[in-house]
Protein backbone atom coordinates (compact mmCIF):
# COMPACT_ATOMS: atom_id res chain seq x y z
CA MET A 1 44.77 43.83 -157.05
CA LYS A 2 46.84 44.09 -153.83
CA ILE A 3 47.14 40.56 -152.68
CA ALA A 4 50.13 41.06 -150.47
CA ARG A 5 48.00 43.43 -147.83
CA PHE A 6 45.68 40.45 -147.20
CA PRO A 7 46.08 37.14 -145.43
CA ALA A 8 47.12 34.07 -147.15
CA GLN A 9 43.52 32.75 -147.63
CA ILE A 10 41.63 35.81 -148.75
CA ALA A 11 45.08 36.42 -151.08
CA GLY A 12 44.38 33.02 -152.85
CA VAL A 13 40.68 33.99 -153.60
CA PHE A 14 41.66 37.03 -155.34
CA LEU A 15 44.42 35.94 -157.19
CA PHE A 16 41.92 32.91 -158.69
CA ALA A 17 39.68 36.08 -158.99
CA GLY A 18 42.39 37.98 -160.73
CA CYS A 19 42.91 34.93 -162.96
CA LEU A 20 39.34 35.23 -163.83
CA VAL A 21 39.62 38.56 -164.81
CA LEU A 22 42.63 38.89 -166.89
CA VAL A 23 42.59 35.34 -168.54
CA ALA A 24 40.44 36.67 -170.98
CA PRO A 25 38.00 39.01 -172.29
CA MET A 26 35.15 37.25 -172.81
CA PHE A 27 35.23 35.97 -169.00
CA ALA A 28 35.93 39.25 -167.38
CA GLN A 29 34.21 41.97 -169.29
CA PRO A 30 30.23 40.61 -169.81
CA GLN A 31 28.15 43.41 -171.35
CA ASP A 32 25.49 44.58 -169.13
CA ASP A 33 22.65 42.15 -171.25
CA GLU A 34 24.76 39.45 -171.10
CA PRO A 35 23.89 36.50 -168.79
CA GLY A 36 26.01 36.33 -165.59
CA PRO A 37 26.89 33.71 -163.01
CA PRO A 38 24.57 31.19 -162.00
CA ASP A 39 23.26 33.30 -158.82
CA ALA A 40 23.39 36.64 -161.15
CA ALA A 41 19.62 36.53 -160.77
CA GLN A 42 20.05 36.93 -157.04
CA ARG A 43 22.54 39.35 -157.52
CA GLN A 44 20.55 41.59 -159.46
CA ALA A 45 17.57 41.20 -156.94
CA ARG A 46 19.87 42.10 -153.90
CA ALA A 47 21.02 44.80 -155.60
CA ARG A 48 17.74 46.24 -156.46
CA SER A 49 16.80 46.07 -152.73
CA LEU A 50 19.57 47.75 -151.56
CA PRO A 51 18.15 50.59 -149.16
CA ARG A 52 21.16 53.41 -150.70
CA ILE A 53 19.24 52.81 -154.18
CA GLN A 54 15.67 53.51 -152.71
CA PRO A 55 14.51 56.83 -152.97
CA SER A 56 14.48 58.36 -149.86
CA ASP A 57 12.02 60.84 -147.71
CA LYS A 58 15.05 62.72 -145.79
CA LYS A 59 15.16 66.43 -146.58
CA PHE A 60 18.18 67.63 -148.31
CA ASP A 61 19.76 70.39 -149.63
CA PRO A 62 20.34 70.48 -153.36
CA HIS A 63 23.37 72.69 -153.31
CA ASP A 64 25.09 70.05 -150.46
CA LEU A 65 26.99 67.54 -152.79
CA ASN A 66 29.41 66.94 -149.43
CA GLY A 67 29.73 62.81 -148.79
CA ILE A 68 30.62 59.25 -150.62
CA TRP A 69 28.70 58.66 -153.81
CA THR A 70 29.06 55.24 -155.35
CA ARG A 71 27.73 53.39 -158.45
CA SER A 72 28.55 50.10 -157.28
CA SER A 73 25.96 47.26 -156.58
CA SER A 74 28.12 45.85 -153.93
CA PRO A 75 26.12 46.32 -150.22
CA ARG A 76 29.49 47.78 -149.13
CA GLY A 77 30.39 49.99 -152.25
CA PHE A 78 33.27 48.99 -153.53
CA THR A 79 32.96 46.32 -156.22
CA GLY A 80 35.50 44.81 -158.99
CA GLY A 81 33.40 46.27 -161.42
CA GLY A 82 29.31 45.82 -161.09
CA THR A 83 27.08 49.03 -161.05
CA CYS A 84 23.89 49.37 -159.38
CA ALA A 85 20.63 48.43 -160.93
CA ASP A 86 20.18 52.23 -162.18
CA CYS A 87 23.25 53.49 -162.44
CA GLY A 88 24.16 52.87 -166.21
CA ASP A 89 26.83 50.61 -167.42
CA ARG A 90 30.58 51.38 -167.41
CA GLY A 91 31.17 53.10 -170.85
CA TYR A 92 30.75 56.83 -171.47
CA GLY A 93 27.96 56.27 -174.00
CA LYS A 94 26.32 54.05 -176.29
CA ASN A 95 25.23 57.13 -179.17
CA VAL A 96 28.78 57.38 -180.55
CA PRO A 97 29.26 60.03 -183.23
CA PRO A 98 31.48 59.50 -186.23
CA LEU A 99 35.21 60.22 -186.05
CA THR A 100 37.49 62.06 -187.80
CA PRO A 101 39.94 60.72 -189.91
CA GLU A 102 42.67 61.39 -186.82
CA GLY A 103 40.05 60.23 -184.39
CA LYS A 104 39.83 56.71 -186.00
CA LYS A 105 43.37 56.77 -186.06
CA MET A 106 43.34 57.32 -182.33
CA PHE A 107 40.89 54.90 -182.10
CA ASP A 108 42.39 51.94 -183.86
CA ALA A 109 45.64 52.61 -181.95
CA ASN A 110 43.77 51.67 -178.71
CA LYS A 111 43.64 48.03 -177.73
CA PRO A 112 40.69 47.37 -175.04
CA SER A 113 40.76 44.56 -172.77
CA TYR A 114 36.92 45.00 -172.18
CA GLY A 115 33.96 44.34 -174.07
CA ARG A 116 32.86 41.37 -176.41
CA THR A 117 36.07 39.98 -177.45
CA LEU A 118 37.43 40.64 -181.04
CA GLY A 119 36.47 38.47 -183.78
CA THR A 120 34.10 36.04 -181.44
CA PRO A 121 30.60 34.59 -182.46
CA ASP A 122 29.62 36.58 -179.51
CA ALA A 123 30.78 40.07 -181.11
CA ALA A 124 29.43 39.24 -184.43
CA ALA A 125 26.03 38.57 -182.66
CA HIS A 126 25.44 42.21 -181.63
CA PRO A 127 25.96 44.77 -184.49
CA GLU A 128 23.71 46.70 -182.83
CA GLU A 129 26.59 47.66 -180.82
CA ASP A 130 29.38 50.17 -181.67
CA ILE A 131 32.76 48.58 -182.78
CA GLY A 132 34.23 49.80 -179.68
CA ARG A 133 32.05 47.42 -177.57
CA ARG A 134 33.03 44.35 -179.32
CA ARG A 135 36.89 44.46 -179.87
CA ALA A 136 38.31 43.29 -176.94
CA VAL A 137 41.67 41.79 -176.85
CA SER A 138 44.06 39.66 -174.16
CA PRO A 139 45.15 42.53 -171.51
CA ALA A 140 48.50 40.92 -172.71
CA ASN A 141 48.05 42.19 -176.09
CA GLY A 142 46.04 45.37 -174.96
CA THR A 143 47.38 49.18 -174.71
CA ASP A 144 45.11 50.32 -171.84
CA PRO A 145 47.16 53.04 -169.78
CA TYR A 146 45.78 52.01 -166.54
CA GLN A 147 47.22 48.72 -166.65
CA TYR A 148 50.59 50.65 -165.89
CA CYS A 149 49.16 52.53 -163.26
CA ASN A 150 49.06 55.88 -165.01
CA PRO A 151 45.84 58.13 -164.16
CA MET A 152 42.38 57.28 -165.20
CA GLY A 153 41.56 60.73 -166.14
CA ILE A 154 37.84 62.49 -165.11
CA THR A 155 35.76 60.45 -167.45
CA ARG A 156 36.78 57.19 -166.93
CA ALA A 157 37.15 57.50 -162.85
CA LEU A 158 33.66 58.86 -162.63
CA ILE A 159 32.35 56.00 -164.43
CA PHE A 160 34.47 53.39 -162.48
CA PRO A 161 31.97 51.92 -159.59
CA HIS A 162 33.98 52.51 -156.51
CA PRO A 163 33.05 55.14 -154.16
CA ILE A 164 33.71 59.13 -155.03
CA GLU A 165 34.44 61.41 -151.90
CA LEU A 166 33.28 65.09 -152.45
CA PHE A 167 34.33 67.57 -150.49
CA VAL A 168 32.78 71.11 -150.60
CA LEU A 169 34.87 74.05 -149.47
CA PRO A 170 34.34 78.03 -150.35
CA ASP A 171 36.51 78.13 -153.16
CA ARG A 172 36.69 74.53 -154.80
CA ILE A 173 35.20 70.89 -154.70
CA ILE A 174 37.60 68.24 -154.23
CA GLN A 175 36.77 64.78 -155.89
CA HIS A 176 38.62 61.88 -154.20
CA PHE A 177 38.38 58.86 -156.35
CA SER A 178 39.14 55.71 -154.13
CA TRP A 179 39.99 53.53 -157.60
CA GLY A 180 43.37 54.66 -158.07
CA GLU A 181 43.95 57.44 -155.44
CA GLY A 182 42.76 60.06 -157.79
CA ILE A 183 42.09 63.72 -157.02
CA ARG A 184 40.40 66.34 -158.95
CA THR A 185 39.83 69.96 -157.68
CA ILE A 186 36.86 71.82 -159.31
CA TRP A 187 37.34 75.67 -159.03
CA THR A 188 34.19 77.48 -157.69
CA ASP A 189 36.22 80.58 -157.18
CA GLY A 190 35.00 82.78 -160.70
CA ARG A 191 37.94 81.97 -162.43
CA LYS A 192 37.63 81.32 -166.20
CA LEU A 193 39.00 78.46 -167.77
CA ILE A 194 42.14 78.97 -169.92
CA ASP A 195 41.30 78.97 -173.64
CA ASP A 196 44.52 76.93 -175.03
CA PRO A 197 46.67 75.20 -171.64
CA ASP A 198 50.13 75.10 -172.32
CA GLN A 199 50.70 71.96 -170.13
CA PRO A 200 47.76 69.23 -170.47
CA ARG A 201 46.80 67.36 -167.31
CA TRP A 202 46.05 63.98 -166.49
CA TRP A 203 42.69 65.77 -164.47
CA GLY A 204 42.11 68.74 -166.76
CA TYR A 205 41.83 72.04 -165.60
CA SER A 206 38.10 72.46 -163.88
CA VAL A 207 35.87 75.29 -162.58
CA GLY A 208 32.49 75.08 -161.86
CA HIS A 209 29.53 77.23 -160.72
CA TRP A 210 25.49 76.44 -159.71
CA GLU A 211 22.43 77.13 -162.57
CA GLY A 212 19.84 76.84 -160.32
CA ASP A 213 20.19 73.08 -158.58
CA THR A 214 22.57 71.92 -161.21
CA PHE A 215 26.04 72.12 -160.41
CA VAL A 216 27.89 72.69 -163.93
CA VAL A 217 31.49 71.64 -164.48
CA GLU A 218 33.65 73.02 -167.37
CA SER A 219 36.93 71.22 -167.77
CA ASN A 220 39.64 71.36 -170.99
CA GLY A 221 43.38 70.84 -170.99
CA HIS A 222 42.99 67.03 -170.74
CA ASP A 223 46.10 64.45 -171.15
CA GLU A 224 44.97 62.63 -174.24
CA ARG A 225 46.95 59.56 -173.27
CA THR A 226 43.76 58.92 -170.87
CA TRP A 227 40.94 57.07 -172.54
CA ILE A 228 37.27 58.22 -171.93
CA ASP A 229 36.34 54.76 -170.87
CA HIS A 230 37.52 51.34 -170.50
CA PHE A 231 36.49 50.56 -174.20
CA GLY A 232 39.29 52.89 -175.61
CA TYR A 233 37.61 55.36 -176.86
CA PRO A 234 40.24 58.36 -177.80
CA HIS A 235 40.26 61.98 -176.92
CA SER A 236 42.45 64.57 -177.80
CA ASP A 237 43.79 67.72 -175.93
CA GLN A 238 41.32 69.80 -177.39
CA MET A 239 38.64 67.71 -175.68
CA HIS A 240 36.03 70.10 -173.50
CA LEU A 241 34.07 68.29 -171.25
CA GLN A 242 30.63 69.73 -169.46
CA GLU A 243 29.75 67.70 -166.44
CA ARG A 244 25.84 68.65 -164.86
CA TYR A 245 25.37 67.29 -161.64
CA LYS A 246 21.86 67.50 -159.82
CA ARG A 247 21.04 65.65 -156.45
CA THR A 248 17.66 64.51 -156.92
CA ASN A 249 16.76 62.72 -153.70
CA TYR A 250 18.68 62.48 -150.50
CA ASN A 251 20.45 59.74 -151.53
CA ILE A 252 20.67 60.26 -155.72
CA MET A 253 22.82 62.03 -157.53
CA GLU A 254 22.62 62.34 -161.45
CA LEU A 255 25.41 63.24 -163.72
CA ASN A 256 24.69 64.03 -167.28
CA TRP A 257 27.67 65.12 -169.66
CA THR A 258 28.55 66.08 -173.00
CA ILE A 259 32.16 65.68 -174.52
CA THR A 260 33.12 68.45 -177.57
CA ASP A 261 36.24 67.49 -179.30
CA PRO A 262 36.37 68.06 -182.81
CA LYS A 263 39.80 66.84 -183.76
CA VAL A 264 38.42 63.25 -182.71
CA TYR A 265 34.56 63.49 -183.13
CA THR A 266 32.68 65.33 -185.75
CA LYS A 267 29.84 66.24 -183.00
CA PRO A 268 29.28 66.86 -179.74
CA TRP A 269 28.86 63.48 -177.88
CA VAL A 270 26.24 63.52 -175.32
CA GLY A 271 27.14 60.40 -172.93
CA ASP A 272 24.56 58.68 -171.03
CA THR A 273 23.36 59.55 -167.60
CA LYS A 274 25.10 58.10 -165.09
CA ARG A 275 24.05 57.84 -161.37
CA PHE A 276 25.29 57.61 -157.95
CA HIS A 277 23.92 56.90 -154.44
CA LEU A 278 25.28 58.14 -151.14
CA ILE A 279 26.77 56.02 -149.24
CA LEU A 280 27.63 56.09 -145.48
CA THR A 281 31.41 56.21 -143.65
CA LYS A 282 29.84 52.96 -141.50
CA ASP A 283 28.98 51.29 -144.34
CA ILE A 284 32.31 51.17 -145.62
CA THR A 285 34.34 48.49 -143.66
CA THR A 286 37.39 46.61 -144.10
CA VAL A 287 37.63 43.01 -142.86
CA ASP A 288 39.12 44.40 -139.58
CA GLY A 289 36.15 46.92 -139.12
CA TRP A 290 38.15 49.99 -139.85
CA ALA A 291 35.30 52.33 -141.42
CA GLY A 292 35.81 55.07 -144.08
CA MET A 293 36.92 55.03 -147.67
CA MET A 294 40.01 52.37 -148.23
CA GLU A 295 43.02 53.06 -149.86
CA ASP A 296 43.35 51.37 -153.18
CA PRO A 297 46.21 53.35 -155.39
CA CYS A 298 47.50 51.26 -158.52
CA ALA A 299 51.18 50.90 -157.36
CA PRO A 300 53.81 49.46 -159.66
CA ALA A 301 55.29 47.76 -157.03
CA ASP A 302 52.04 45.65 -156.76
CA GLU A 303 50.42 45.91 -160.26
CA VAL A 304 53.25 46.27 -162.62
CA ASP A 305 56.02 44.28 -161.05
CA GLN A 306 53.91 41.44 -159.38
CA PHE A 307 50.38 41.20 -160.95
CA ASP A 308 51.16 42.02 -164.67
CA LYS A 309 54.26 39.82 -164.75
CA ARG A 310 52.77 36.65 -162.82
CA ILE A 311 49.03 36.66 -163.80
CA ARG A 312 48.50 39.12 -167.27
CA ASP A 313 51.16 38.44 -169.41
CA LEU A 314 50.72 34.99 -169.22
CA THR A 315 47.27 35.39 -170.65
CA GLY A 316 48.71 36.23 -174.49
CA THR A 317 51.90 37.14 -176.13
CA LYS A 318 53.59 39.87 -174.30
CA PRO A 319 53.61 43.46 -176.47
CA ASN A 320 56.78 43.89 -177.80
């Protein structure tokens, strides 16, 4: 949240909203099946009626992935966390494989602030959900690496419902994530992945190729300090991620993916299908009417020095 950029009146609104987001997990992190605000039904109806989520009869090239794609429920494609009606939620997948002993240690060390609040009747009332979605703590007591402006990593960045702009070049595809201003390169020049990269990377090493009308991405060398999603599921630097993108309509792109990480999980984890919708540049505008992807980096000067100290750290005991 970068309140310094906005006029005072708007900043006040965002500051108040930020307090609601971070004061307690029970307020900020609703599950998709929980009741929302009083106008939730109207919001859902509006989200389902967005033109961009309706199938289009426009012709398209299934190999053309260029453009701005979003999972947001907002008309302008940006949101504080709401996903479009048919896009899937903000978790990687509900069918979580059993953890290895090492994976359990890593899982327990991660303290997320998303999901149902740990130890509450609400959490106890949903035993059908994996415990990873029912263990949220106050952000002041959490260990989320992104709250200190560390890069999110690939899986979490793809899940977050802010726009992603894809640039298809002759030898690579660039993914520009608006949330956090992340840049990822997927090489399509025929190179192979390094079997065991010496230097893990926040965004890993990625190569891609086409299998019919499906763009397949293989990646490894992921820095294990990133989380798979905001529920704090861990991975090791041995994680291999496969993503399968398919443009099924002019304005619809689907992603199916699988994580293989024998150090953390006892079998491959097949994630839930995620869906993205094409949004036009002119439909993303600032209050001044400037069109295009917005600048939204996680800047320590705003997040750590101002927002965390003024709001987050007041919501619970600061970590030692």
